[in-house]
Amino acid sequence: MAPLSMTTVQDHVALAEIELCGELMIAASATEAERLSPDRIDEVLKVSAAARTPSGGPSGTPLTP
C-alpha cells in the first residue's frame, strides 16, 4: 500500500472571508451598541464610503433589513 501524501490545499478567498468575519466579530464584541453601524463596518473591513454603491450593497446588490 502506498503511503498517503500530505498535501495542503488552501482557498485564499475563503481564508480572506474567514479573516474578515473574525474582524467583524471582534468589532461587534467590543461595541456597547446593539449592532455595528454601516460606517463602523466599512472601517473594520477597510472599505471607503466612496466605494459603496448608491444602493448600499456591493455591486448594486440591495441590502435587506
N, C-alpha and C. Protein backbone atom coordinates (compact mmCIF):
# COMPACT_ATOMS: atom_id res chain seq x y z
N MET A 1 0.84 -1.17 0.00
CA MET A 1 0.00 0.00 0.00
C MET A 1 0.89 1.24 0.00
N ALA A 2 0.59 2.18 -0.88
CA ALA A 2 1.38 3.40 -0.99
C ALA A 2 1.02 4.35 0.15
N PRO A 3 2.02 5.04 0.72
CA PRO A 3 1.73 5.99 1.80
C PRO A 3 0.93 7.18 1.27
N LEU A 4 0.08 7.72 2.12
CA LEU A 4 -0.70 8.90 1.76
C LEU A 4 0.21 10.12 1.76
N SER A 5 0.11 10.91 0.72
CA SER A 5 0.92 12.14 0.69
C SER A 5 0.18 13.25 1.41
N MET A 6 0.93 14.07 2.09
CA MET A 6 0.35 15.19 2.83
C MET A 6 0.37 16.42 1.93
N THR A 7 -0.76 16.76 1.37
CA THR A 7 -0.86 17.95 0.54
C THR A 7 -1.76 18.94 1.23
N THR A 8 -1.42 20.18 1.07
CA THR A 8 -2.20 21.26 1.67
C THR A 8 -2.86 22.05 0.55
N VAL A 9 -4.15 22.15 0.62
CA VAL A 9 -4.90 22.93 -0.34
C VAL A 9 -5.48 24.12 0.40
N GLN A 10 -5.24 25.29 -0.13
CA GLN A 10 -5.75 26.49 0.51
C GLN A 10 -6.61 27.27 -0.47
N ASP A 11 -7.75 27.67 -0.01
CA ASP A 11 -8.63 28.54 -0.78
C ASP A 11 -8.43 29.94 -0.21
N HIS A 12 -7.64 30.75 -0.92
CA HIS A 12 -7.27 32.06 -0.40
C HIS A 12 -8.47 32.99 -0.24
N VAL A 13 -9.45 32.86 -1.09
CA VAL A 13 -10.65 33.69 -0.97
C VAL A 13 -11.41 33.31 0.30
N ALA A 14 -11.57 32.02 0.53
CA ALA A 14 -12.28 31.57 1.74
C ALA A 14 -11.52 31.99 2.99
N LEU A 15 -10.21 31.88 2.98
CA LEU A 15 -9.42 32.29 4.14
C LEU A 15 -9.56 33.80 4.39
N ALA A 16 -9.59 34.60 3.33
CA ALA A 16 -9.77 36.04 3.49
C ALA A 16 -11.15 36.35 4.06
N GLU A 17 -12.18 35.65 3.59
CA GLU A 17 -13.54 35.86 4.11
C GLU A 17 -13.63 35.49 5.58
N ILE A 18 -12.98 34.40 5.96
CA ILE A 18 -12.99 33.98 7.37
C ILE A 18 -12.30 35.03 8.22
N GLU A 19 -11.19 35.57 7.73
CA GLU A 19 -10.48 36.61 8.47
C GLU A 19 -11.35 37.86 8.65
N LEU A 20 -12.05 38.27 7.58
CA LEU A 20 -12.92 39.44 7.67
C LEU A 20 -14.08 39.20 8.64
N CYS A 21 -14.64 38.00 8.62
CA CYS A 21 -15.71 37.67 9.57
C CYS A 21 -15.20 37.74 10.99
N GLY A 22 -13.99 37.26 11.21
CA GLY A 22 -13.39 37.34 12.53
C GLY A 22 -13.20 38.78 12.98
N GLU A 23 -12.75 39.63 12.07
CA GLU A 23 -12.58 41.05 12.40
C GLU A 23 -13.92 41.69 12.77
N LEU A 24 -14.98 41.33 12.03
CA LEU A 24 -16.31 41.86 12.35
C LEU A 24 -16.79 41.37 13.71
N MET A 25 -16.53 40.11 14.03
CA MET A 25 -16.95 39.58 15.33
C MET A 25 -16.21 40.26 16.47
N ILE A 26 -14.93 40.52 16.28
CA ILE A 26 -14.16 41.22 17.30
C ILE A 26 -14.71 42.63 17.50
N ALA A 27 -14.98 43.33 16.39
CA ALA A 27 -15.52 44.69 16.48
C ALA A 27 -16.90 44.68 17.14
N ALA A 28 -17.73 43.71 16.80
CA ALA A 28 -19.08 43.63 17.38
C ALA A 28 -19.02 43.35 18.87
N SER A 29 -18.09 42.51 19.29
CA SER A 29 -18.00 42.19 20.71
C SER A 29 -17.43 43.35 21.52
N ALA A 30 -16.72 44.26 20.85
CA ALA A 30 -16.11 45.39 21.55
C ALA A 30 -17.03 46.60 21.65
N THR A 31 -18.17 46.58 20.95
CA THR A 31 -19.07 47.73 20.97
C THR A 31 -20.15 47.55 22.01
N GLU A 32 -20.61 48.65 22.54
CA GLU A 32 -21.71 48.60 23.50
C GLU A 32 -23.06 48.74 22.81
N ALA A 33 -23.04 49.14 21.54
CA ALA A 33 -24.27 49.30 20.78
C ALA A 33 -24.86 47.93 20.45
N GLU A 34 -26.14 47.94 20.06
CA GLU A 34 -26.80 46.68 19.70
C GLU A 34 -26.22 46.08 18.44
N ARG A 35 -25.80 46.93 17.50
CA ARG A 35 -25.21 46.45 16.26
C ARG A 35 -24.21 47.47 15.75
N LEU A 36 -23.36 47.04 14.84
CA LEU A 36 -22.38 47.94 14.25
C LEU A 36 -23.03 48.83 13.20
N SER A 37 -22.62 50.08 13.17
CA SER A 37 -23.14 50.99 12.16
C SER A 37 -22.49 50.66 10.82
N PRO A 38 -23.13 51.04 9.72
CA PRO A 38 -22.51 50.80 8.41
C PRO A 38 -21.12 51.45 8.30
N ASP A 39 -20.95 52.63 8.89
CA ASP A 39 -19.64 53.28 8.84
C ASP A 39 -18.60 52.48 9.60
N ARG A 40 -18.97 51.90 10.75
CA ARG A 40 -18.02 51.10 11.53
C ARG A 40 -17.68 49.81 10.79
N ILE A 41 -18.67 49.21 10.13
CA ILE A 41 -18.42 48.00 9.34
C ILE A 41 -17.43 48.32 8.21
N ASP A 42 -17.64 49.45 7.52
CA ASP A 42 -16.72 49.85 6.46
C ASP A 42 -15.31 50.06 7.01
N GLU A 43 -15.23 50.65 8.20
CA GLU A 43 -13.93 50.89 8.83
C GLU A 43 -13.23 49.56 9.14
N VAL A 44 -13.96 48.61 9.70
CA VAL A 44 -13.39 47.31 10.05
C VAL A 44 -12.95 46.56 8.79
N LEU A 45 -13.77 46.63 7.75
CA LEU A 45 -13.47 45.92 6.51
C LEU A 45 -12.54 46.69 5.59
N LYS A 46 -12.14 47.90 6.03
CA LYS A 46 -11.24 48.77 5.26
C LYS A 46 -11.82 49.10 3.89
N VAL A 47 -13.11 49.48 3.91
CA VAL A 47 -13.82 49.89 2.70
C VAL A 47 -14.12 51.37 2.83
N SER A 48 -13.84 52.14 1.78
CA SER A 48 -14.13 53.57 1.84
C SER A 48 -15.61 53.79 1.51
N ALA A 49 -16.16 54.84 2.08
CA ALA A 49 -17.57 55.17 1.82
C ALA A 49 -17.78 55.45 0.34
N ALA A 50 -16.77 55.97 -0.34
CA ALA A 50 -16.89 56.27 -1.77
C ALA A 50 -17.00 54.99 -2.60
N ALA A 51 -16.51 53.87 -2.07
CA ALA A 51 -16.57 52.61 -2.81
C ALA A 51 -17.95 51.98 -2.77
N ARG A 52 -18.78 52.42 -1.82
CA ARG A 52 -20.14 51.86 -1.74
C ARG A 52 -20.96 52.33 -2.92
N THR A 53 -21.85 51.48 -3.39
CA THR A 53 -22.73 51.84 -4.50
C THR A 53 -23.94 52.60 -3.95
N PRO A 54 -24.68 53.31 -4.81
CA PRO A 54 -25.84 54.06 -4.33
C PRO A 54 -26.88 53.21 -3.61
N SER A 55 -27.00 51.94 -3.98
CA SER A 55 -27.99 51.08 -3.33
C SER A 55 -27.53 50.61 -1.97
N GLY A 56 -26.26 50.81 -1.66
CA GLY A 56 -25.73 50.42 -0.36
C GLY A 56 -25.10 49.06 -0.34
N GLY A 57 -25.34 48.23 -1.32
CA GLY A 57 -24.79 46.89 -1.33
C GLY A 57 -23.63 46.80 -2.31
N PRO A 58 -22.85 45.73 -2.21
CA PRO A 58 -21.75 45.56 -3.15
C PRO A 58 -22.26 45.27 -4.55
N SER A 59 -21.68 45.90 -5.52
CA SER A 59 -22.01 45.68 -6.94
C SER A 59 -23.50 45.84 -7.23
N GLY A 60 -24.14 46.77 -6.54
CA GLY A 60 -25.54 47.04 -6.82
C GLY A 60 -26.51 46.10 -6.13
N THR A 61 -26.02 45.21 -5.30
CA THR A 61 -26.89 44.29 -4.57
C THR A 61 -27.57 45.04 -3.44
N PRO A 62 -28.91 45.13 -3.42
CA PRO A 62 -29.58 45.85 -2.34
C PRO A 62 -29.42 45.13 -1.01
N LEU A 63 -29.28 45.90 0.05
CA LEU A 63 -29.19 45.33 1.39
C LEU A 63 -30.59 45.05 1.92
N THR A 64 -30.76 43.95 2.60
CA THR A 64 -32.05 43.63 3.19
C THR A 64 -31.99 43.89 4.67
N PRO A 65 -33.06 44.40 5.27
CA PRO A 65 -33.04 44.70 6.71
C PRO A 65 -33.00 43.46 7.57
